[in-house]
Amino acid sequence: MRAQVVAVVLALALTAGCGSSSMPSAVTVAPVNARPAGAQEVTTVPARRNPDCEDPEASLRPGPLPAPGVMPSGSTMAAIADRGRLIVGVDQDSYPFGSRNPTSGQLEGFDIDVAREIARSIFGDPNRVELKVIDPTQRESELQSADVDLVVRTYSITCERKNIVGFSTVYYYAEQKILAVKGSGIDSAAALSGKRVCSVFGTTSLSRLSALVPRPILIGVKSWTDCLVMLQQGQVDAISTDDSVLAGLKQQDPNVEISESGIGKEPYGVGVKLENSDLVRFVNGVLEQMRVDGTWERLYERWLHSLGPSPGPPAPKYQDGP
């Protein structure tokens, strides 16, 4: 049909040109797949420093949890209770950890429910939480400026980050892997050589990719769905980040697959302002309660069952020993 329309238009153009000394010029416009806003090749990534850090996963040991609604006087938790809501930095683009339900418009996922459990322990009500969408580059600054009380956003614990952020114990282990079109053969770190690989600014994934030898061509974007769009349009050859995030992208496109081999482990923790050590201990108490009473397993079954059988909640590590 389209060809017929073009033929008619050409015929009319030729008829209109009869008697003229010149023929009309043909114009050809090639289709263009526009890049997502902000997408750009990354030529320089800050080197991952290794500051003195005996065990990045070790955190402060919790004390007994106070009853909801009865926070210790003068504590960070009491100040949050007086405000009337817990403010948490989250994601809206990482299904099934933190994404916006297209039907209800509500934020939901494993991380969102972890934030709600912390609110429940402060107020006795999981809905007394304000969810603030932030991108990976904002996590540290939002905590330091006290614009959020916590960050629960697939936040990998590293020694470098622990210099400026207080972290809880690990509540989930992910592994960085590769997502590519089925049959592409891009299934390992070595296979990324010379390939265009997409990752999000401000993530450990981008830093780890930058350290590969030989180094792939890195394309940085603002969100993981931007990476998926670029992969679908042939603008990149692969995406690399945590397998938990890649699983969410795979559910949106049956033509892609996740590599079996991994590039590195990613321990997720709840981020807290460095000075608020009492809140770190409180969050660790909530996470311990979730491990013991089965809440962690219930959240895994609700949100993460597509990743495979539950590995069980990670055992906590404390700075003064097990």
C-alpha atoms as a PDB file:
ATOM      1  CA  MET A   1       0.000   0.000   0.000  1.00  0.00           C
ATOM      2  CA  ARG A   2       2.806   2.363   0.977  1.00  0.00           C
ATOM      3  CA  ALA A   3       4.550   1.647  -2.341  1.00  0.00           C
ATOM      4  CA  GLN A   4       1.365   2.496  -4.245  1.00  0.00           C
ATOM      5  CA  VAL A   5       1.034   5.823  -2.435  1.00  0.00           C
ATOM      6  CA  VAL A   6       4.640   6.683  -3.229  1.00  0.00           C
ATOM      7  CA  ALA A   7       4.074   5.767  -6.883  1.00  0.00           C
ATOM      8  CA  VAL A   8       1.012   8.023  -7.112  1.00  0.00           C
ATOM      9  CA  VAL A   9       2.896  10.932  -5.520  1.00  0.00           C
ATOM     10  CA  LEU A  10       5.749  10.454  -7.974  1.00  0.00           C
ATOM     11  CA  ALA A  11       3.356  10.309 -10.924  1.00  0.00           C
ATOM     12  CA  LEU A  12       1.678  13.548  -9.871  1.00  0.00           C
ATOM     13  CA  ALA A  13       5.047  15.203  -9.418  1.00  0.00           C
ATOM     14  CA  LEU A  14       6.118  14.140 -12.905  1.00  0.00           C
ATOM     15  CA  THR A  15       2.830  15.348 -14.413  1.00  0.00           C
ATOM     16  CA  ALA A  16       3.171  18.693 -12.701  1.00  0.00           C
ATOM     17  CA  GLY A  17       6.648  18.959 -14.132  1.00  0.00           C
ATOM     18  CA  CYS A  18       5.565  18.442 -17.764  1.00  0.00           C
ATOM     19  CA  GLY A  19       6.615  21.340 -19.917  1.00  0.00           C
ATOM     20  CA  SER A  20       9.176  22.419 -17.385  1.00  0.00           C
ATOM     21  CA  SER A  21      12.820  22.579 -18.336  1.00  0.00           C
ATOM     22  CA  SER A  22      13.908  20.565 -15.295  1.00  0.00           C
ATOM     23  CA  MET A  23      12.759  17.376 -13.567  1.00  0.00           C
ATOM     24  CA  PRO A  24      11.931  17.425  -9.803  1.00  0.00           C
ATOM     25  CA  SER A  25      14.767  16.291  -7.519  1.00  0.00           C
ATOM     26  CA  ALA A  26      14.322  13.028  -5.631  1.00  0.00           C
ATOM     27  CA  VAL A  27      14.604  13.340  -1.861  1.00  0.00           C
ATOM     28  CA  THR A  28      15.541  10.356   0.262  1.00  0.00           C
ATOM     29  CA  VAL A  29      15.230  10.523   4.078  1.00  0.00           C
ATOM     30  CA  ALA A  30      16.746   7.614   5.995  1.00  0.00           C
ATOM     31  CA  PRO A  31      14.936   6.555   9.200  1.00  0.00           C
ATOM     32  CA  VAL A  32      16.779   7.575  12.359  1.00  0.00           C
ATOM     33  CA  ASN A  33      16.554   5.866  15.728  1.00  0.00           C
ATOM     34  CA  ALA A  34      17.159   8.680  18.169  1.00  0.00           C
ATOM     35  CA  ARG A  35      19.255   7.924  21.229  1.00  0.00           C
ATOM     36  CA  PRO A  36      17.615   8.314  24.646  1.00  0.00           C
ATOM     37  CA  ALA A  37      18.213  11.738  26.195  1.00  0.00           C
ATOM     38  CA  GLY A  38      21.604  11.956  27.870  1.00  0.00           C
ATOM     39  CA  ALA A  39      23.049   8.798  26.288  1.00  0.00           C
ATOM     40  CA  GLN A  40      26.718   9.208  25.475  1.00  0.00           C
ATOM     41  CA  GLU A  41      29.920   7.296  25.035  1.00  0.00           C
ATOM     42  CA  VAL A  42      31.890   7.109  28.259  1.00  0.00           C
ATOM     43  CA  THR A  43      35.590   7.552  27.682  1.00  0.00           C
ATOM     44  CA  THR A  44      36.646   8.277  31.255  1.00  0.00           C
ATOM     45  CA  VAL A  45      35.361   6.527  34.365  1.00  0.00           C
ATOM     46  CA  PRO A  46      36.771   7.357  37.812  1.00  0.00           C
ATOM     47  CA  ALA A  47      39.029   4.530  38.889  1.00  0.00           C
ATOM     48  CA  ARG A  48      37.652   2.311  41.634  1.00  0.00           C
ATOM     49  CA  ARG A  49      39.871   3.032  44.577  1.00  0.00           C
ATOM     50  CA  ASN A  50      40.423   0.458  47.290  1.00  0.00           C
ATOM     51  CA  PRO A  51      40.505   2.403  50.550  1.00  0.00           C
ATOM     52  CA  ASP A  52      41.327   0.598  53.766  1.00  0.00           C
ATOM     53  CA  CYS A  53      38.269  -1.534  54.466  1.00  0.00           C
ATOM     54  CA  GLU A  54      38.641  -4.834  56.273  1.00  0.00           C
ATOM     55  CA  ASP A  55      35.212  -6.123  55.243  1.00  0.00           C
ATOM     56  CA  PRO A  56      32.835  -3.888  53.264  1.00  0.00           C
ATOM     57  CA  GLU A  57      29.870  -6.083  54.219  1.00  0.00           C
ATOM     58  CA  ALA A  58      30.359  -5.738  57.986  1.00  0.00           C
ATOM     59  CA  SER A  59      27.978  -3.319  59.702  1.00  0.00           C
ATOM     60  CA  LEU A  60      27.012  -2.136  63.187  1.00  0.00           C
ATOM     61  CA  ARG A  61      25.427  -4.684  65.481  1.00  0.00           C
ATOM     62  CA  PRO A  62      21.797  -3.868  66.327  1.00  0.00           C
ATOM     63  CA  GLY A  63      20.422  -3.623  69.819  1.00  0.00           C
ATOM     64  CA  PRO A  64      16.903  -4.651  70.834  1.00  0.00           C
ATOM     65  CA  LEU A  65      14.293  -3.085  68.555  1.00  0.00           C
ATOM     66  CA  PRO A  66      12.118  -0.502  70.318  1.00  0.00           C
ATOM     67  CA  ALA A  67       8.375  -0.959  69.943  1.00  0.00           C
ATOM     68  CA  PRO A  68       6.778   0.909  67.018  1.00  0.00           C
ATOM     69  CA  GLY A  69       5.720   4.380  68.073  1.00  0.00           C
ATOM     70  CA  VAL A  70       8.171   4.405  71.003  1.00  0.00           C
ATOM     71  CA  MET A  71      11.472   5.552  69.536  1.00  0.00           C
ATOM     72  CA  PRO A  72      14.329   6.465  71.937  1.00  0.00           C
ATOM     73  CA  SER A  73      14.318  10.128  72.906  1.00  0.00           C
ATOM     74  CA  GLY A  74      16.838  12.204  70.960  1.00  0.00           C
ATOM     75  CA  SER A  75      17.427   9.460  68.375  1.00  0.00           C
ATOM     76  CA  THR A  76      17.336   9.823  64.592  1.00  0.00           C
ATOM     77  CA  MET A  77      14.304   7.518  64.620  1.00  0.00           C
ATOM     78  CA  ALA A  78      12.496   9.838  67.077  1.00  0.00           C
ATOM     79  CA  ALA A  79      13.082  12.784  64.741  1.00  0.00           C
ATOM     80  CA  ILE A  80      11.624  10.761  61.857  1.00  0.00           C
ATOM     81  CA  ALA A  81       8.638   9.799  64.014  1.00  0.00           C
ATOM     82  CA  ASP A  82       8.043  13.463  64.941  1.00  0.00           C
ATOM     83  CA  ARG A  83       8.031  14.364  61.231  1.00  0.00           C
ATOM     84  CA  GLY A  84       5.338  11.766  60.669  1.00  0.00           C
ATOM     85  CA  ARG A  85       6.918   9.892  57.752  1.00  0.00           C
ATOM     86  CA  LEU A  86      10.091   8.096  56.684  1.00  0.00           C
ATOM     87  CA  ILE A  87      11.676   9.503  53.495  1.00  0.00           C
ATOM     88  CA  VAL A  88      13.396   6.901  51.325  1.00  0.00           C
ATOM     89  CA  GLY A  89      15.289   7.266  48.033  1.00  0.00           C
ATOM     90  CA  VAL A  90      14.191   4.526  45.613  1.00  0.00           C
ATOM     91  CA  ASP A  91      14.152   3.535  41.954  1.00  0.00           C
ATOM     92  CA  GLN A  92      11.251   3.443  39.502  1.00  0.00           C
ATOM     93  CA  ASP A  93      13.075   1.690  36.680  1.00  0.00           C
ATOM     94  CA  SER A  94      14.460  -1.570  38.121  1.00  0.00           C
ATOM     95  CA  TYR A  95      11.762  -4.228  38.060  1.00  0.00           C
ATOM     96  CA  PRO A  96      11.315  -6.275  40.278  1.00  0.00           C
ATOM     97  CA  PHE A  97      13.186  -4.221  42.918  1.00  0.00           C
ATOM     98  CA  GLY A  98      11.736  -0.783  42.344  1.00  0.00           C
ATOM     99  CA  SER A  99       9.433   0.134  39.469  1.00  0.00           C
ATOM    100  CA  ARG A 100       6.229   1.999  38.757  1.00  0.00           C
ATOM    101  CA  ASN A 101       3.161  -0.154  38.178  1.00  0.00           C
ATOM    102  CA  PRO A 102       1.804   0.934  34.761  1.00  0.00           C
ATOM    103  CA  THR A 103      -1.791   0.331  35.856  1.00  0.00           C
ATOM    104  CA  SER A 104      -1.868   1.865  39.325  1.00  0.00           C
ATOM    105  CA  GLY A 105       1.033   4.290  38.957  1.00  0.00           C
ATOM    106  CA  GLN A 106       2.315   3.113  42.351  1.00  0.00           C
ATOM    107  CA  LEU A 107       5.947   2.281  43.105  1.00  0.00           C
ATOM    108  CA  GLU A 108       6.436  -1.369  43.998  1.00  0.00           C
ATOM    109  CA  GLY A 109       9.059  -4.097  44.287  1.00  0.00           C
ATOM    110  CA  PHE A 110      11.379  -5.837  46.722  1.00  0.00           C
ATOM    111  CA  ASP A 111      13.243  -2.651  47.693  1.00  0.00           C
ATOM    112  CA  ILE A 112       9.989  -0.746  48.099  1.00  0.00           C
ATOM    113  CA  ASP A 113       8.686  -3.366  50.521  1.00  0.00           C
ATOM    114  CA  VAL A 114      11.953  -3.321  52.486  1.00  0.00           C
ATOM    115  CA  ALA A 115      11.446   0.444  52.913  1.00  0.00           C
ATOM    116  CA  ARG A 116       7.866  -0.177  54.050  1.00  0.00           C
ATOM    117  CA  GLU A 117       9.016  -2.703  56.651  1.00  0.00           C
ATOM    118  CA  ILE A 118      11.383  -0.111  58.128  1.00  0.00           C
ATOM    119  CA  ALA A 119       8.508   2.392  58.253  1.00  0.00           C
ATOM    120  CA  ARG A 120       6.352  -0.260  59.945  1.00  0.00           C
ATOM    121  CA  SER A 121       8.988  -0.692  62.650  1.00  0.00           C
ATOM    122  CA  ILE A 122       9.077   3.063  63.360  1.00  0.00           C
ATOM    123  CA  PHE A 123       5.367   3.889  63.140  1.00  0.00           C
ATOM    124  CA  GLY A 124       3.536   0.576  63.235  1.00  0.00           C
ATOM    125  CA  ASP A 125       2.267   1.516  59.755  1.00  0.00           C
ATOM    126  CA  PRO A 126       4.110   0.538  56.532  1.00  0.00           C
ATOM    127  CA  ASN A 127       2.383   3.340  54.626  1.00  0.00           C
ATOM    128  CA  ARG A 128       4.018   6.121  56.634  1.00  0.00           C
ATOM    129  CA  VAL A 129       6.774   6.370  54.041  1.00  0.00           C
ATOM    130  CA  GLU A 130       7.517   8.944  51.358  1.00  0.00           C
ATOM    131  CA  LEU A 131       9.165   7.295  48.356  1.00  0.00           C
ATOM    132  CA  LYS A 132      11.450   9.703  46.514  1.00  0.00           C
ATOM    133  CA  VAL A 133      12.655   8.607  43.074  1.00  0.00           C
ATOM    134  CA  ILE A 134      16.378   9.272  42.631  1.00  0.00           C
ATOM    135  CA  ASP A 135      18.939   8.156  40.062  1.00  0.00           C
ATOM    136  CA  PRO A 136      22.200   6.350  40.939  1.00  0.00           C
ATOM    137  CA  THR A 137      24.294   9.535  40.776  1.00  0.00           C
ATOM    138  CA  GLN A 138      22.133  11.117  43.516  1.00  0.00           C
ATOM    139  CA  ARG A 139      22.339   8.425  46.182  1.00  0.00           C
ATOM    140  CA  GLU A 140      25.254   9.834  48.167  1.00  0.00           C
ATOM    141  CA  SER A 141      24.272  13.502  47.807  1.00  0.00           C
ATOM    142  CA  GLU A 142      20.652  12.862  48.860  1.00  0.00           C
ATOM    143  CA  LEU A 143      21.874  11.186  52.054  1.00  0.00           C
ATOM    144  CA  GLN A 144      24.521  13.783  52.835  1.00  0.00           C
ATOM    145  CA  SER A 145      22.054  16.645  52.411  1.00  0.00           C
ATOM    146  CA  ALA A 146      19.463  14.785  54.538  1.00  0.00           C
ATOM    147  CA  ASP A 147      16.901  15.062  51.741  1.00  0.00           C
ATOM    148  CA  VAL A 148      16.231  11.375  52.376  1.00  0.00           C
ATOM    149  CA  ASP A 149      16.616   9.308  55.545  1.00  0.00           C
ATOM    150  CA  LEU A 150      17.536   6.121  53.708  1.00  0.00           C
ATOM    151  CA  VAL A 151      18.383   4.861  50.246  1.00  0.00           C
ATOM    152  CA  VAL A 152      16.936   1.464  49.331  1.00  0.00           C
ATOM    153  CA  ARG A 153      17.818   1.253  45.650  1.00  0.00           C
ATOM    154  CA  THR A 154      19.845  -1.815  44.589  1.00  0.00           C
ATOM    155  CA  TYR A 155      22.689  -0.026  46.399  1.00  0.00           C
ATOM    156  CA  SER A 156      25.903  -2.042  46.271  1.00  0.00           C
ATOM    157  CA  ILE A 157      28.152  -1.810  49.329  1.00  0.00           C
ATOM    158  CA  THR A 158      31.775  -0.905  48.534  1.00  0.00           C
ATOM    159  CA  CYS A 159      34.716   0.223  50.646  1.00  0.00           C
ATOM    160  CA  GLU A 160      34.843   3.483  48.715  1.00  0.00           C
ATOM    161  CA  ARG A 161      31.195   4.266  49.377  1.00  0.00           C
ATOM    162  CA  LYS A 162      31.561   3.393  53.062  1.00  0.00           C
ATOM    163  CA  ASN A 163      33.842   6.418  53.439  1.00  0.00           C
ATOM    164  CA  ILE A 164      30.825   8.689  52.965  1.00  0.00           C
ATOM    165  CA  VAL A 165      27.756   6.482  53.600  1.00  0.00           C
ATOM    166  CA  GLY A 166      26.641   4.287  56.491  1.00  0.00           C
ATOM    167  CA  PHE A 167      25.443   0.883  55.287  1.00  0.00           C
ATOM    168  CA  SER A 168      23.267  -1.798  56.778  1.00  0.00           C
ATOM    169  CA  THR A 169      24.118  -5.459  56.591  1.00  0.00           C
ATOM    170  CA  VAL A 170      23.609  -7.112  53.200  1.00  0.00           C
ATOM    171  CA  TYR A 171      19.967  -7.885  52.442  1.00  0.00           C
ATOM    172  CA  TYR A 172      20.499  -9.315  48.940  1.00  0.00           C
ATOM    173  CA  TYR A 173      23.368 -10.607  46.795  1.00  0.00           C
ATOM    174  CA  ALA A 174      23.287  -9.925  43.063  1.00  0.00           C
ATOM    175  CA  GLU A 175      25.912 -10.696  40.416  1.00  0.00           C
ATOM    176  CA  GLN A 176      26.864  -8.520  37.482  1.00  0.00           C
ATOM    177  CA  LYS A 177      26.123 -10.311  34.210  1.00  0.00           C
ATOM    178  CA  ILE A 178      25.462  -9.539  30.531  1.00  0.00           C
ATOM    179  CA  LEU A 179      22.197  -9.180  28.606  1.00  0.00           C
ATOM    180  CA  ALA A 180      22.345  -9.550  24.814  1.00  0.00           C
ATOM    181  CA  VAL A 181      20.183 -10.649  21.889  1.00  0.00           C
ATOM    182  CA  LYS A 182      19.752 -14.424  21.714  1.00  0.00           C
ATOM    183  CA  GLY A 183      22.362 -16.075  19.536  1.00  0.00           C
ATOM    184  CA  SER A 184      24.717 -13.097  19.598  1.00  0.00           C
ATOM    185  CA  GLY A 185      27.463 -15.062  21.322  1.00  0.00           C
ATOM    186  CA  ILE A 186      28.034 -12.214  23.778  1.00  0.00           C
ATOM    187  CA  ASP A 187      28.045 -14.288  26.940  1.00  0.00           C
ATOM    188  CA  SER A 188      31.230 -13.454  28.862  1.00  0.00           C
ATOM    189  CA  ALA A 189      33.493 -10.568  29.825  1.00  0.00           C
ATOM    190  CA  ALA A 190      35.932 -11.627  27.082  1.00  0.00           C
ATOM    191  CA  ALA A 191      33.125 -11.487  24.492  1.00  0.00           C
ATOM    192  CA  LEU A 192      32.579  -7.793  25.274  1.00  0.00           C
ATOM    193  CA  SER A 193      35.869  -6.835  23.627  1.00  0.00           C
ATOM    194  CA  GLY A 194      35.176  -4.211  20.963  1.00  0.00           C
ATOM    195  CA  LYS A 195      31.434  -4.318  21.655  1.00  0.00           C
ATOM    196  CA  ARG A 196      29.172  -1.392  22.548  1.00  0.00           C
ATOM    197  CA  VAL A 197      27.989  -2.019  26.098  1.00  0.00           C
ATOM    198  CA  CYS A 198      25.317  -0.001  27.877  1.00  0.00           C
ATOM    199  CA  SER A 199      25.244   0.770  31.595  1.00  0.00           C
ATOM    200  CA  VAL A 200      23.860   3.484  33.861  1.00  0.00           C
ATOM    201  CA  PHE A 201      25.868   6.465  35.120  1.00  0.00           C
ATOM    202  CA  GLY A 202      26.885   6.311  38.787  1.00  0.00           C
ATOM    203  CA  THR A 203      26.819   2.517  39.100  1.00  0.00           C
ATOM    204  CA  THR A 204      29.505   0.035  40.110  1.00  0.00           C
ATOM    205  CA  SER A 205      28.590  -1.818  36.900  1.00  0.00           C
ATOM    206  CA  LEU A 206      30.037   0.974  34.765  1.00  0.00           C
ATOM    207  CA  SER A 207      33.224   1.107  36.830  1.00  0.00           C
ATOM    208  CA  ARG A 208      33.735  -2.652  36.591  1.00  0.00           C
ATOM    209  CA  LEU A 209      33.221  -2.602  32.802  1.00  0.00           C
ATOM    210  CA  SER A 210      35.748   0.212  32.483  1.00  0.00           C
ATOM    211  CA  ALA A 211      38.360  -1.938  34.224  1.00  0.00           C
ATOM    212  CA  LEU A 212      38.042  -4.827  31.743  1.00  0.00           C
ATOM    213  CA  VAL A 213      41.019  -5.543  29.489  1.00  0.00           C
ATOM    214  CA  PRO A 214      40.466  -5.113  26.617  1.00  0.00           C
ATOM    215  CA  ARG A 215      37.965  -2.395  27.409  1.00  0.00           C
ATOM    216  CA  PRO A 216      34.594  -2.440  25.608  1.00  0.00           C
ATOM    217  CA  ILE A 217      33.005   0.675  24.120  1.00  0.00           C
ATOM    218  CA  LEU A 218      30.933   2.039  26.996  1.00  0.00           C
ATOM    219  CA  ILE A 219      27.640   3.862  26.516  1.00  0.00           C
ATOM    220  CA  GLY A 220      26.255   5.587  29.598  1.00  0.00           C
ATOM    221  CA  VAL A 221      22.558   6.360  30.084  1.00  0.00           C
ATOM    222  CA  LYS A 222      20.228   7.507  32.860  1.00  0.00           C
ATOM    223  CA  SER A 223      18.061   4.385  33.219  1.00  0.00           C
ATOM    224  CA  TRP A 224      18.090   0.661  32.478  1.00  0.00           C
ATOM    225  CA  THR A 225      15.060   0.913  30.209  1.00  0.00           C
ATOM    226  CA  ASP A 226      17.092   3.367  28.100  1.00  0.00           C
ATOM    227  CA  CYS A 227      19.672   0.587  27.724  1.00  0.00           C
ATOM    228  CA  LEU A 228      16.972  -1.855  26.634  1.00  0.00           C
ATOM    229  CA  VAL A 229      15.651   0.561  24.001  1.00  0.00           C
ATOM    230  CA  MET A 230      19.167   1.053  22.613  1.00  0.00           C
ATOM    231  CA  LEU A 231      19.729  -2.724  22.487  1.00  0.00           C
ATOM    232  CA  GLN A 232      16.439  -3.214  20.648  1.00  0.00           C
ATOM    233  CA  GLN A 233      17.359  -0.501  18.133  1.00  0.00           C
ATOM    234  CA  GLY A 234      20.819  -1.959  17.523  1.00  0.00           C
ATOM    235  CA  GLN A 235      22.579   1.059  19.014  1.00  0.00           C
ATOM    236  CA  VAL A 236      24.421  -1.119  21.544  1.00  0.00           C
ATOM    237  CA  ASP A 237      25.433  -4.787  21.479  1.00  0.00           C
ATOM    238  CA  ALA A 238      24.869  -5.636  25.136  1.00  0.00           C
ATOM    239  CA  ILE A 239      23.820  -4.400  28.566  1.00  0.00           C
ATOM    240  CA  SER A 240      25.741  -5.250  31.716  1.00  0.00           C
ATOM    241  CA  THR A 241      24.640  -4.841  35.311  1.00  0.00           C
ATOM    242  CA  ASP A 242      23.248  -6.895  38.204  1.00  0.00           C
ATOM    243  CA  ASP A 243      21.448 -10.081  37.186  1.00  0.00           C
ATOM    244  CA  SER A 244      18.475  -9.004  39.314  1.00  0.00           C
ATOM    245  CA  VAL A 245      17.999  -5.895  37.131  1.00  0.00           C
ATOM    246  CA  LEU A 246      18.691  -7.777  33.880  1.00  0.00           C
ATOM    247  CA  ALA A 247      15.986 -10.307  34.791  1.00  0.00           C
ATOM    248  CA  GLY A 248      13.465  -7.469  34.867  1.00  0.00           C
ATOM    249  CA  LEU A 249      14.597  -6.271  31.418  1.00  0.00           C
ATOM    250  CA  LYS A 250      14.419  -9.818  30.051  1.00  0.00           C
ATOM    251  CA  GLN A 251      10.771 -10.063  31.078  1.00  0.00           C
ATOM    252  CA  GLN A 252      10.103  -7.085  28.805  1.00  0.00           C
ATOM    253  CA  ASP A 253      11.744  -8.635  25.733  1.00  0.00           C
ATOM    254  CA  PRO A 254      11.682 -12.378  24.913  1.00  0.00           C
ATOM    255  CA  ASN A 255      14.427 -11.942  22.286  1.00  0.00           C
ATOM    256  CA  VAL A 256      17.226 -11.399  24.809  1.00  0.00           C
ATOM    257  CA  GLU A 257      19.116 -13.678  27.176  1.00  0.00           C
ATOM    258  CA  ILE A 258      21.315 -13.339  30.276  1.00  0.00           C
ATOM    259  CA  SER A 259      24.818 -14.772  30.389  1.00  0.00           C
ATOM    260  CA  GLU A 260      25.566 -17.697  32.674  1.00  0.00           C
ATOM    261  CA  SER A 261      28.969 -16.327  33.639  1.00  0.00           C
ATOM    262  CA  GLY A 262      29.274 -13.347  35.936  1.00  0.00           C
ATOM    263  CA  ILE A 263      31.639 -10.407  36.174  1.00  0.00           C
ATOM    264  CA  GLY A 264      31.444  -9.660  39.896  1.00  0.00           C
ATOM    265  CA  LYS A 265      29.341  -9.872  43.076  1.00  0.00           C
ATOM    266  CA  GLU A 266      27.069  -7.032  44.177  1.00  0.00           C
ATOM    267  CA  PRO A 267      25.992  -6.957  47.863  1.00  0.00           C
ATOM    268  CA  TYR A 268      22.936  -4.716  48.366  1.00  0.00           C
ATOM    269  CA  GLY A 269      22.614  -2.675  51.554  1.00  0.00           C
ATOM    270  CA  VAL A 270      20.416   0.115  52.884  1.00  0.00           C
ATOM    271  CA  GLY A 271      22.244   3.454  52.695  1.00  0.00           C
ATOM    272  CA  VAL A 272      22.130   5.814  55.701  1.00  0.00           C
ATOM    273  CA  LYS A 273      23.718   9.198  56.370  1.00  0.00           C
ATOM    274  CA  LEU A 274      27.184   8.424  57.737  1.00  0.00           C
ATOM    275  CA  GLU A 275      26.641  10.299  61.008  1.00  0.00           C
ATOM    276  CA  ASN A 276      23.382   8.481  61.831  1.00  0.00           C
ATOM    277  CA  SER A 277      24.867   5.333  63.334  1.00  0.00           C
ATOM    278  CA  ASP A 278      21.806   4.813  65.545  1.00  0.00           C
ATOM    279  CA  LEU A 279      19.656   4.542  62.409  1.00  0.00           C
ATOM    280  CA  VAL A 280      22.111   2.017  60.923  1.00  0.00           C
ATOM    281  CA  ARG A 281      21.725  -0.145  64.040  1.00  0.00           C
ATOM    282  CA  PHE A 282      17.936   0.245  63.905  1.00  0.00           C
ATOM    283  CA  VAL A 283      17.768  -0.787  60.232  1.00  0.00           C
ATOM    284  CA  ASN A 284      19.978  -3.788  60.993  1.00  0.00           C
ATOM    285  CA  GLY A 285      17.530  -4.752  63.721  1.00  0.00           C
ATOM    286  CA  VAL A 286      14.650  -4.563  61.230  1.00  0.00           C
ATOM    287  CA  LEU A 287      16.546  -6.678  58.685  1.00  0.00           C
ATOM    288  CA  GLU A 288      17.344  -9.255  61.372  1.00  0.00           C
ATOM    289  CA  GLN A 289      13.674  -9.406  62.312  1.00  0.00           C
ATOM    290  CA  MET A 290      12.785  -9.906  58.637  1.00  0.00           C
ATOM    291  CA  ARG A 291      15.219 -12.833  58.426  1.00  0.00           C
ATOM    292  CA  VAL A 292      13.885 -14.498  61.558  1.00  0.00           C
ATOM    293  CA  ASP A 293      10.125 -14.045  61.161  1.00  0.00           C
ATOM    294  CA  GLY A 294       9.981 -15.082  57.489  1.00  0.00           C
ATOM    295  CA  THR A 295       9.266 -11.634  56.045  1.00  0.00           C
ATOM    296  CA  TRP A 296      12.355 -11.762  53.820  1.00  0.00           C
ATOM    297  CA  GLU A 297      11.234 -15.087  52.330  1.00  0.00           C
ATOM    298  CA  ARG A 298       7.712 -13.768  51.759  1.00  0.00           C
ATOM    299  CA  LEU A 299       9.080 -10.736  49.906  1.00  0.00           C
ATOM    300  CA  TYR A 300      11.352 -12.981  47.829  1.00  0.00           C
ATOM    301  CA  GLU A 301       8.409 -15.167  46.844  1.00  0.00           C
ATOM    302  CA  ARG A 302       6.310 -12.128  45.981  1.00  0.00           C
ATOM    303  CA  TRP A 303       8.859 -10.254  43.881  1.00  0.00           C
ATOM    304  CA  LEU A 304      11.898 -12.385  43.049  1.00  0.00           C
ATOM    305  CA  HIS A 305      10.625 -15.924  42.465  1.00  0.00           C
ATOM    306  CA  SER A 306      11.336 -15.544  38.721  1.00  0.00           C
ATOM    307  CA  LEU A 307      15.057 -15.390  39.585  1.00  0.00           C
ATOM    308  CA  GLY A 308      14.921 -18.995  40.799  1.00  0.00           C
ATOM    309  CA  PRO A 309      14.553 -20.762  44.132  1.00  0.00           C
ATOM    310  CA  SER A 310      15.183 -18.582  47.151  1.00  0.00           C
ATOM    311  CA  PRO A 311      18.818 -18.622  48.319  1.00  0.00           C
ATOM    312  CA  GLY A 312      17.618 -17.529  51.757  1.00  0.00           C
ATOM    313  CA  PRO A 313      18.419 -14.179  53.332  1.00  0.00           C
ATOM    314  CA  PRO A 314      22.125 -13.313  53.531  1.00  0.00           C
ATOM    315  CA  ALA A 315      23.626 -13.960  56.959  1.00  0.00           C
ATOM    316  CA  PRO A 316      24.556 -10.675  58.641  1.00  0.00           C
ATOM    317  CA  LYS A 317      28.166  -9.709  59.285  1.00  0.00           C
ATOM    318  CA  TYR A 318      28.934  -7.356  62.165  1.00  0.00           C
ATOM    319  CA  GLN A 319      32.022  -5.306  62.754  1.00  0.00           C
ATOM    320  CA  ASP A 320      32.666  -6.964  66.111  1.00  0.00           C
ATOM    321  CA  GLY A 321      32.270 -10.494  64.739  1.00  0.00           C
ATOM    322  CA  PRO A 322      29.379 -12.863  63.932  1.00  0.00           C
END
